């Protein structure tokens, strides 16, 4: 039985999937979420996740070097 993986995901897994863009479902109400830059927002229930600082800083530095 050691080869059977659990089918449930933890809240941490759900939140990380949302921030990576791998999930489009709100963990609070189940509706579709909106990705707004580094933030994720649910228009139905108002849940909001702010992206990681490292991700937004790397995006900013990439833009500065592109111009």
C-alpha atoms as a PDB file:
ATOM      1  CA  UNK A   1       0.000   0.000   0.000  1.00  0.00           C
ATOM      2  CA  UNK A   2       2.974   2.355   0.112  1.00  0.00           C
ATOM      3  CA  UNK A   3       2.559   3.117  -3.625  1.00  0.00           C
ATOM      4  CA  UNK A   4      -0.803   4.847  -3.117  1.00  0.00           C
ATOM      5  CA  UNK A   5      -0.621   8.623  -2.973  1.00  0.00           C
ATOM      6  CA  UNK A   6      -3.140  10.703  -1.032  1.00  0.00           C
ATOM      7  CA  UNK A   7      -5.651  12.442  -3.290  1.00  0.00           C
ATOM      8  CA  UNK A   8      -6.239  15.476  -1.079  1.00  0.00           C
ATOM      9  CA  UNK A   9      -4.142  18.579  -1.400  1.00  0.00           C
ATOM     10  CA  UNK A  10      -3.204  20.861   1.443  1.00  0.00           C
ATOM     11  CA  UNK A  11      -4.143  24.531   1.512  1.00  0.00           C
ATOM     12  CA  UNK A  12      -0.474  25.357   0.964  1.00  0.00           C
ATOM     13  CA  UNK A  13      -0.464  23.291  -2.251  1.00  0.00           C
ATOM     14  CA  UNK A  14      -3.612  25.052  -3.429  1.00  0.00           C
ATOM     15  CA  UNK A  15      -2.228  28.518  -2.728  1.00  0.00           C
ATOM     16  CA  UNK A  16       1.100  27.799  -4.414  1.00  0.00           C
ATOM     17  CA  UNK A  17      -0.721  26.423  -7.464  1.00  0.00           C
ATOM     18  CA  UNK A  18      -2.762  29.627  -7.642  1.00  0.00           C
ATOM     19  CA  UNK A  19       0.337  31.822  -7.443  1.00  0.00           C
ATOM     20  CA  UNK A  20       2.079  29.749 -10.148  1.00  0.00           C
ATOM     21  CA  UNK A  21      -0.957  30.082 -12.411  1.00  0.00           C
ATOM     22  CA  UNK A  22      -1.512  26.320 -12.400  1.00  0.00           C
ATOM     23  CA  UNK A  23      -4.946  26.638 -10.816  1.00  0.00           C
ATOM     24  CA  UNK A  24      -7.814  28.937 -11.707  1.00  0.00           C
ATOM     25  CA  UNK A  25     -10.177  27.961  -8.878  1.00  0.00           C
ATOM     26  CA  UNK A  26     -10.665  29.957  -5.698  1.00  0.00           C
ATOM     27  CA  UNK A  27      -9.981  27.771  -2.617  1.00  0.00           C
ATOM     28  CA  UNK A  28     -12.629  29.720  -0.666  1.00  0.00           C
ATOM     29  CA  UNK A  29     -15.684  29.670  -2.945  1.00  0.00           C
ATOM     30  CA  UNK A  30     -14.678  27.589  -5.993  1.00  0.00           C
ATOM     31  CA  UNK A  31     -15.233  30.342  -8.567  1.00  0.00           C
ATOM     32  CA  UNK A  32     -12.690  31.353 -11.199  1.00  0.00           C
ATOM     33  CA  UNK A  33      -9.957  33.751 -10.080  1.00  0.00           C
ATOM     34  CA  UNK A  34      -8.333  36.672 -11.885  1.00  0.00           C
ATOM     35  CA  UNK A  35      -4.549  36.892 -12.190  1.00  0.00           C
ATOM     36  CA  UNK A  36      -3.486  40.536 -11.927  1.00  0.00           C
ATOM     37  CA  UNK A  37       0.291  40.632 -12.283  1.00  0.00           C
ATOM     38  CA  UNK A  38       1.744  38.990  -9.183  1.00  0.00           C
ATOM     39  CA  UNK A  39      -1.635  39.055  -7.382  1.00  0.00           C
ATOM     40  CA  UNK A  40      -4.571  36.632  -7.612  1.00  0.00           C
ATOM     41  CA  UNK A  41      -8.085  37.865  -6.844  1.00  0.00           C
ATOM     42  CA  UNK A  42     -11.510  36.236  -6.688  1.00  0.00           C
ATOM     43  CA  UNK A  43     -14.206  38.622  -7.922  1.00  0.00           C
ATOM     44  CA  UNK A  44     -16.931  36.525  -6.266  1.00  0.00           C
ATOM     45  CA  UNK A  45     -15.819  36.322  -2.619  1.00  0.00           C
ATOM     46  CA  UNK A  46     -13.031  38.942  -2.545  1.00  0.00           C
ATOM     47  CA  UNK A  47     -10.193  36.548  -1.631  1.00  0.00           C
ATOM     48  CA  UNK A  48      -6.837  38.070  -2.616  1.00  0.00           C
ATOM     49  CA  UNK A  49      -3.325  36.615  -2.681  1.00  0.00           C
ATOM     50  CA  UNK A  50      -0.331  38.829  -3.211  1.00  0.00           C
ATOM     51  CA  UNK A  51       2.520  37.287  -5.173  1.00  0.00           C
ATOM     52  CA  UNK A  52       5.970  36.728  -3.807  1.00  0.00           C
ATOM     53  CA  UNK A  53       8.347  39.669  -3.642  1.00  0.00           C
ATOM     54  CA  UNK A  54      11.073  37.707  -5.475  1.00  0.00           C
ATOM     55  CA  UNK A  55       8.773  37.170  -8.461  1.00  0.00           C
ATOM     56  CA  UNK A  56       7.793  40.829  -8.752  1.00  0.00           C
ATOM     57  CA  UNK A  57      11.397  42.002  -8.293  1.00  0.00           C
ATOM     58  CA  UNK A  58      12.676  39.678 -11.018  1.00  0.00           C
ATOM     59  CA  UNK A  59       9.947  40.955 -13.355  1.00  0.00           C
ATOM     60  CA  UNK A  60      10.907  44.568 -12.582  1.00  0.00           C
ATOM     61  CA  UNK A  61      14.617  43.950 -13.127  1.00  0.00           C
ATOM     62  CA  UNK A  62      13.943  42.123 -16.403  1.00  0.00           C
ATOM     63  CA  UNK A  63      11.929  45.090 -17.641  1.00  0.00           C
ATOM     64  CA  UNK A  64      14.662  47.534 -16.650  1.00  0.00           C
ATOM     65  CA  UNK A  65      17.286  45.610 -18.626  1.00  0.00           C
ATOM     66  CA  UNK A  66      15.046  45.215 -21.691  1.00  0.00           C
ATOM     67  CA  UNK A  67      14.840  48.960 -22.389  1.00  0.00           C
END
